[in-house]
Amino acid sequence: MFTTNNKLTRKEDDFQIEIARLLDLKNVLWTHVANERKANVSYGRKLKRMGVKSGVPDILIFEPRKNYNGLAIELKVGYNKPTTNQIKWLDDLKKRNWLALWSNSTDEVIDVITNYLKD
């Protein structure tokens, strides 16, 4: 069902879609914030005024478990690393008692989600 794609050549969209399928199958409350969308300058300003924030993690799972309020995951592919804003979001969520991390491994993300959702 889930494949481990070559993390050096795959696209982040494909990684996101694969994890989205898993989360939907697990029937959890979650979302992906589509901050990577392209917008003209005027609409980009409007989005910012509406509250769109740079660096929000790719996956936000709103299921409290164990000692955590939720799970946030930033997905990366290849040698990409999180931006400064993405690291800040992950750190800020950790301060608010979220499990927050980044990964470029499908297997790692699946393991983290599976273990997090265990009661």
N, C-alpha and C. Protein backbone atom coordinates (compact mmCIF):
# COMPACT_ATOMS: atom_id res chain seq x y z
N MET A 1 0.82 -1.19 0.00
CA MET A 1 0.00 0.00 0.00
C MET A 1 0.86 1.25 0.00
N PHE A 2 1.82 1.33 0.92
CA PHE A 2 2.69 2.50 1.00
C PHE A 2 4.06 2.09 0.52
N THR A 3 4.66 2.95 -0.27
CA THR A 3 5.95 2.62 -0.84
C THR A 3 7.01 3.55 -0.29
N THR A 4 8.20 3.04 -0.20
CA THR A 4 9.33 3.88 0.18
C THR A 4 10.00 4.32 -1.10
N ASN A 5 9.70 5.56 -1.50
CA ASN A 5 10.28 6.10 -2.71
C ASN A 5 11.72 6.51 -2.46
N ASN A 6 12.49 6.60 -3.51
CA ASN A 6 13.86 7.09 -3.38
C ASN A 6 13.79 8.53 -2.88
N LYS A 7 14.25 8.76 -1.65
CA LYS A 7 14.09 10.08 -1.05
C LYS A 7 14.97 11.14 -1.68
N LEU A 8 15.84 10.76 -2.60
CA LEU A 8 16.67 11.75 -3.28
C LEU A 8 16.04 12.25 -4.57
N THR A 9 15.10 11.51 -5.14
CA THR A 9 14.53 11.90 -6.43
C THR A 9 13.03 12.17 -6.39
N ARG A 10 12.36 11.82 -5.32
CA ARG A 10 10.92 11.99 -5.29
C ARG A 10 10.52 13.44 -5.02
N LYS A 11 9.27 13.73 -5.26
CA LYS A 11 8.74 15.08 -5.04
C LYS A 11 8.05 15.13 -3.69
N GLU A 12 8.10 16.31 -3.07
CA GLU A 12 7.45 16.45 -1.77
C GLU A 12 5.95 16.25 -1.88
N ASP A 13 5.34 16.65 -3.00
CA ASP A 13 3.90 16.43 -3.19
C ASP A 13 3.56 14.94 -3.09
N ASP A 14 4.38 14.09 -3.70
CA ASP A 14 4.12 12.64 -3.65
C ASP A 14 4.25 12.12 -2.22
N PHE A 15 5.23 12.61 -1.49
CA PHE A 15 5.42 12.24 -0.09
C PHE A 15 4.18 12.64 0.71
N GLN A 16 3.71 13.87 0.50
CA GLN A 16 2.53 14.38 1.20
C GLN A 16 1.30 13.53 0.90
N ILE A 17 1.10 13.20 -0.37
CA ILE A 17 -0.07 12.40 -0.77
C ILE A 17 -0.03 11.02 -0.12
N GLU A 18 1.14 10.42 -0.07
CA GLU A 18 1.28 9.10 0.54
C GLU A 18 0.92 9.13 2.02
N ILE A 19 1.40 10.14 2.73
CA ILE A 19 1.10 10.25 4.16
C ILE A 19 -0.37 10.63 4.36
N ALA A 20 -0.93 11.45 3.48
CA ALA A 20 -2.35 11.81 3.56
C ALA A 20 -3.23 10.56 3.46
N ARG A 21 -2.89 9.66 2.56
CA ARG A 21 -3.65 8.40 2.43
C ARG A 21 -3.63 7.62 3.73
N LEU A 22 -2.46 7.53 4.34
CA LEU A 22 -2.33 6.81 5.61
C LEU A 22 -3.21 7.45 6.68
N LEU A 23 -3.13 8.77 6.81
CA LEU A 23 -3.90 9.45 7.86
C LEU A 23 -5.40 9.32 7.63
N ASP A 24 -5.82 9.39 6.39
CA ASP A 24 -7.25 9.22 6.09
C ASP A 24 -7.71 7.80 6.44
N LEU A 25 -6.88 6.81 6.16
CA LEU A 25 -7.22 5.43 6.52
C LEU A 25 -7.30 5.24 8.02
N LYS A 26 -6.51 5.97 8.76
CA LYS A 26 -6.52 5.87 10.22
C LYS A 26 -7.64 6.70 10.85
N ASN A 27 -8.35 7.47 10.01
CA ASN A 27 -9.53 8.21 10.45
C ASN A 27 -9.22 9.17 11.61
N VAL A 28 -8.15 9.93 11.47
CA VAL A 28 -7.81 10.91 12.50
C VAL A 28 -8.15 12.31 12.02
N LEU A 29 -8.27 13.23 12.97
CA LEU A 29 -8.51 14.63 12.64
C LEU A 29 -7.17 15.27 12.33
N TRP A 30 -6.97 15.66 11.07
CA TRP A 30 -5.69 16.21 10.64
C TRP A 30 -5.91 17.14 9.46
N THR A 31 -4.87 17.90 9.14
CA THR A 31 -4.92 18.77 7.97
C THR A 31 -3.53 19.01 7.43
N HIS A 32 -3.50 19.44 6.19
CA HIS A 32 -2.28 19.93 5.54
C HIS A 32 -2.52 21.40 5.23
N VAL A 33 -1.63 22.25 5.68
CA VAL A 33 -1.73 23.68 5.38
C VAL A 33 -0.96 23.92 4.09
N ALA A 34 -1.67 24.33 3.05
CA ALA A 34 -1.07 24.46 1.73
C ALA A 34 -0.35 25.81 1.57
N ASN A 35 0.72 25.99 2.32
CA ASN A 35 1.48 27.24 2.23
C ASN A 35 2.33 27.33 0.98
N GLU A 36 2.52 26.24 0.28
CA GLU A 36 3.41 26.26 -0.88
C GLU A 36 2.72 26.74 -2.16
N ARG A 37 1.45 27.11 -2.06
CA ARG A 37 0.72 27.51 -3.26
C ARG A 37 1.30 28.80 -3.86
N LYS A 38 1.13 28.92 -5.14
CA LYS A 38 1.61 30.11 -5.87
C LYS A 38 0.47 31.13 -5.91
N ALA A 39 0.81 32.37 -5.64
CA ALA A 39 -0.20 33.43 -5.67
C ALA A 39 0.47 34.71 -6.17
N ASN A 40 -0.33 35.56 -6.84
CA ASN A 40 0.24 36.84 -7.24
C ASN A 40 0.48 37.69 -5.99
N VAL A 41 1.22 38.76 -6.14
CA VAL A 41 1.63 39.58 -4.99
C VAL A 41 0.43 40.11 -4.22
N SER A 42 -0.57 40.58 -4.93
CA SER A 42 -1.75 41.14 -4.28
C SER A 42 -2.48 40.09 -3.43
N TYR A 43 -2.68 38.91 -4.02
CA TYR A 43 -3.37 37.86 -3.29
C TYR A 43 -2.50 37.34 -2.14
N GLY A 44 -1.20 37.29 -2.36
CA GLY A 44 -0.28 36.88 -1.30
C GLY A 44 -0.38 37.79 -0.08
N ARG A 45 -0.48 39.10 -0.32
CA ARG A 45 -0.65 40.07 0.78
C ARG A 45 -1.97 39.82 1.50
N LYS A 46 -3.02 39.56 0.71
CA LYS A 46 -4.33 39.29 1.31
C LYS A 46 -4.27 38.04 2.19
N LEU A 47 -3.64 36.99 1.69
CA LEU A 47 -3.51 35.76 2.48
C LEU A 47 -2.78 36.03 3.79
N LYS A 48 -1.73 36.84 3.73
CA LYS A 48 -0.98 37.17 4.94
C LYS A 48 -1.87 37.92 5.93
N ARG A 49 -2.67 38.87 5.44
CA ARG A 49 -3.59 39.61 6.31
C ARG A 49 -4.66 38.68 6.90
N MET A 50 -4.99 37.62 6.16
CA MET A 50 -5.99 36.66 6.62
C MET A 50 -5.41 35.68 7.65
N GLY A 51 -4.08 35.70 7.82
CA GLY A 51 -3.48 34.86 8.84
C GLY A 51 -2.61 33.73 8.35
N VAL A 52 -2.36 33.62 7.06
CA VAL A 52 -1.46 32.58 6.57
C VAL A 52 -0.07 32.86 7.13
N LYS A 53 0.54 31.84 7.72
CA LYS A 53 1.84 31.98 8.37
C LYS A 53 2.88 31.13 7.66
N SER A 54 4.04 31.71 7.44
CA SER A 54 5.15 31.01 6.83
C SER A 54 5.73 29.99 7.81
N GLY A 55 6.02 28.79 7.31
CA GLY A 55 6.70 27.80 8.12
C GLY A 55 5.82 26.80 8.84
N VAL A 56 4.49 26.93 8.73
CA VAL A 56 3.60 25.98 9.40
C VAL A 56 3.91 24.57 8.88
N PRO A 57 4.03 23.59 9.79
CA PRO A 57 4.36 22.22 9.35
C PRO A 57 3.35 21.67 8.35
N ASP A 58 3.83 20.75 7.52
CA ASP A 58 3.00 20.15 6.46
C ASP A 58 1.82 19.37 7.01
N ILE A 59 2.02 18.69 8.13
CA ILE A 59 0.97 17.84 8.69
C ILE A 59 0.71 18.25 10.13
N LEU A 60 -0.56 18.52 10.43
CA LEU A 60 -0.98 18.82 11.79
C LEU A 60 -2.06 17.81 12.17
N ILE A 61 -1.78 17.01 13.19
CA ILE A 61 -2.72 15.99 13.66
C ILE A 61 -3.29 16.46 14.99
N PHE A 62 -4.60 16.66 15.02
CA PHE A 62 -5.28 17.20 16.19
C PHE A 62 -5.88 16.09 17.05
N GLU A 63 -5.04 15.16 17.43
CA GLU A 63 -5.45 14.02 18.25
C GLU A 63 -4.53 13.99 19.47
N PRO A 64 -5.00 14.44 20.64
CA PRO A 64 -4.16 14.37 21.84
C PRO A 64 -3.83 12.91 22.16
N ARG A 65 -2.59 12.65 22.48
CA ARG A 65 -2.15 11.30 22.86
C ARG A 65 -1.08 11.42 23.92
N LYS A 66 -1.07 10.44 24.81
CA LYS A 66 -0.06 10.37 25.86
C LYS A 66 0.06 11.73 26.53
N ASN A 67 1.21 12.33 26.46
CA ASN A 67 1.40 13.65 27.08
C ASN A 67 1.43 14.77 26.07
N TYR A 68 0.95 14.52 24.85
CA TYR A 68 1.03 15.52 23.78
C TYR A 68 -0.35 16.04 23.40
N ASN A 69 -0.38 17.30 23.01
CA ASN A 69 -1.63 17.92 22.53
C ASN A 69 -1.90 17.62 21.06
N GLY A 70 -0.87 17.26 20.31
CA GLY A 70 -1.01 16.97 18.90
C GLY A 70 0.32 16.57 18.31
N LEU A 71 0.32 16.25 17.02
CA LEU A 71 1.52 15.84 16.30
C LEU A 71 1.67 16.72 15.07
N ALA A 72 2.86 17.30 14.90
CA ALA A 72 3.17 18.14 13.74
C ALA A 72 4.40 17.56 13.04
N ILE A 73 4.30 17.43 11.71
CA ILE A 73 5.41 16.88 10.94
C ILE A 73 5.68 17.76 9.72
N GLU A 74 6.92 18.15 9.56
CA GLU A 74 7.37 18.85 8.36
C GLU A 74 8.03 17.82 7.46
N LEU A 75 7.54 17.68 6.24
CA LEU A 75 8.07 16.70 5.29
C LEU A 75 9.13 17.36 4.41
N LYS A 76 10.22 16.65 4.20
CA LYS A 76 11.28 17.12 3.32
C LYS A 76 11.69 15.98 2.41
N VAL A 77 12.24 16.31 1.26
CA VAL A 77 12.74 15.30 0.34
C VAL A 77 14.20 15.58 0.03
N GLY A 78 14.89 14.53 -0.36
CA GLY A 78 16.30 14.67 -0.72
C GLY A 78 17.13 15.21 0.42
N TYR A 79 17.99 16.14 0.08
CA TYR A 79 18.86 16.75 1.07
C TYR A 79 18.27 18.02 1.67
N ASN A 80 17.02 18.33 1.32
CA ASN A 80 16.37 19.54 1.84
C ASN A 80 16.27 19.48 3.35
N LYS A 81 16.41 20.64 3.96
CA LYS A 81 16.28 20.79 5.42
C LYS A 81 15.20 21.84 5.69
N PRO A 82 14.63 21.84 6.88
CA PRO A 82 13.63 22.86 7.21
C PRO A 82 14.22 24.26 7.18
N THR A 83 13.38 25.21 6.82
CA THR A 83 13.78 26.62 6.84
C THR A 83 13.80 27.11 8.29
N THR A 84 14.33 28.29 8.49
CA THR A 84 14.34 28.90 9.81
C THR A 84 12.93 29.03 10.37
N ASN A 85 11.98 29.47 9.53
CA ASN A 85 10.58 29.61 9.98
C ASN A 85 9.97 28.25 10.33
N GLN A 86 10.30 27.22 9.58
CA GLN A 86 9.78 25.88 9.87
C GLN A 86 10.33 25.35 11.19
N ILE A 87 11.62 25.55 11.43
CA ILE A 87 12.22 25.15 12.71
C ILE A 87 11.57 25.90 13.86
N LYS A 88 11.32 27.20 13.66
CA LYS A 88 10.68 28.00 14.71
C LYS A 88 9.28 27.45 15.03
N TRP A 89 8.51 27.11 14.00
CA TRP A 89 7.18 26.53 14.24
C TRP A 89 7.28 25.22 15.02
N LEU A 90 8.21 24.36 14.61
CA LEU A 90 8.36 23.08 15.31
C LEU A 90 8.74 23.31 16.77
N ASP A 91 9.67 24.23 17.01
CA ASP A 91 10.08 24.55 18.39
C ASP A 91 8.93 25.14 19.19
N ASP A 92 8.18 26.06 18.58
CA ASP A 92 7.05 26.69 19.28
C ASP A 92 5.97 25.66 19.62
N LEU A 93 5.72 24.73 18.71
CA LEU A 93 4.74 23.68 18.99
C LEU A 93 5.23 22.76 20.11
N LYS A 94 6.51 22.46 20.13
CA LYS A 94 7.07 21.64 21.22
C LYS A 94 6.85 22.33 22.56
N LYS A 95 7.02 23.65 22.59
CA LYS A 95 6.81 24.41 23.83
C LYS A 95 5.35 24.35 24.27
N ARG A 96 4.46 24.06 23.33
CA ARG A 96 3.03 23.96 23.63
C ARG A 96 2.60 22.51 23.76
N ASN A 97 3.57 21.66 24.03
CA ASN A 97 3.32 20.26 24.32
C ASN A 97 2.83 19.45 23.12
N TRP A 98 3.35 19.76 21.95
CA TRP A 98 3.11 18.96 20.75
C TRP A 98 4.35 18.14 20.47
N LEU A 99 4.17 16.95 19.91
CA LEU A 99 5.28 16.22 19.34
C LEU A 99 5.48 16.82 17.95
N ALA A 100 6.64 17.40 17.70
CA ALA A 100 6.87 18.13 16.46
C ALA A 100 8.25 17.76 15.91
N LEU A 101 8.29 17.38 14.62
CA LEU A 101 9.54 16.94 14.02
C LEU A 101 9.51 17.12 12.52
N TRP A 102 10.66 16.92 11.90
CA TRP A 102 10.73 16.91 10.44
C TRP A 102 11.39 15.60 10.01
N SER A 103 11.07 15.17 8.79
CA SER A 103 11.64 13.92 8.29
C SER A 103 11.62 13.91 6.77
N ASN A 104 12.59 13.17 6.19
CA ASN A 104 12.57 12.92 4.75
C ASN A 104 12.43 11.43 4.47
N SER A 105 11.94 10.69 5.45
CA SER A 105 11.80 9.24 5.33
C SER A 105 10.34 8.80 5.52
N THR A 106 9.80 8.16 4.50
CA THR A 106 8.44 7.63 4.59
C THR A 106 8.33 6.65 5.75
N ASP A 107 9.29 5.74 5.85
CA ASP A 107 9.24 4.74 6.92
C ASP A 107 9.24 5.40 8.29
N GLU A 108 10.08 6.41 8.48
CA GLU A 108 10.14 7.10 9.77
C GLU A 108 8.82 7.79 10.09
N VAL A 109 8.24 8.47 9.11
CA VAL A 109 6.98 9.18 9.34
C VAL A 109 5.86 8.19 9.67
N ILE A 110 5.80 7.09 8.94
CA ILE A 110 4.78 6.08 9.22
C ILE A 110 4.96 5.52 10.63
N ASP A 111 6.20 5.24 11.02
CA ASP A 111 6.47 4.74 12.38
C ASP A 111 6.07 5.75 13.44
N VAL A 112 6.42 7.02 13.22
CA VAL A 112 6.07 8.06 14.20
C VAL A 112 4.55 8.16 14.35
N ILE A 113 3.84 8.20 13.23
CA ILE A 113 2.37 8.32 13.27
C ILE A 113 1.76 7.09 13.95
N THR A 114 2.20 5.91 13.55
CA THR A 114 1.65 4.67 14.12
C THR A 114 1.88 4.62 15.62
N ASN A 115 3.10 4.91 16.06
CA ASN A 115 3.41 4.88 17.48
C ASN A 115 2.67 5.98 18.25
N TYR A 116 2.54 7.15 17.64
CA TYR A 116 1.82 8.24 18.30
C TYR A 116 0.36 7.89 18.53
N LEU A 117 -0.26 7.26 17.55
CA LEU A 117 -1.69 6.98 17.64
C LEU A 117 -2.03 5.76 18.50
N LYS A 118 -1.02 5.00 18.91
CA LYS A 118 -1.29 3.87 19.79
C LYS A 118 -1.76 4.38 21.13
N ASP A 119 -2.73 3.71 21.70
CA ASP A 119 -3.22 4.11 23.03
C ASP A 119 -2.39 3.48 24.11
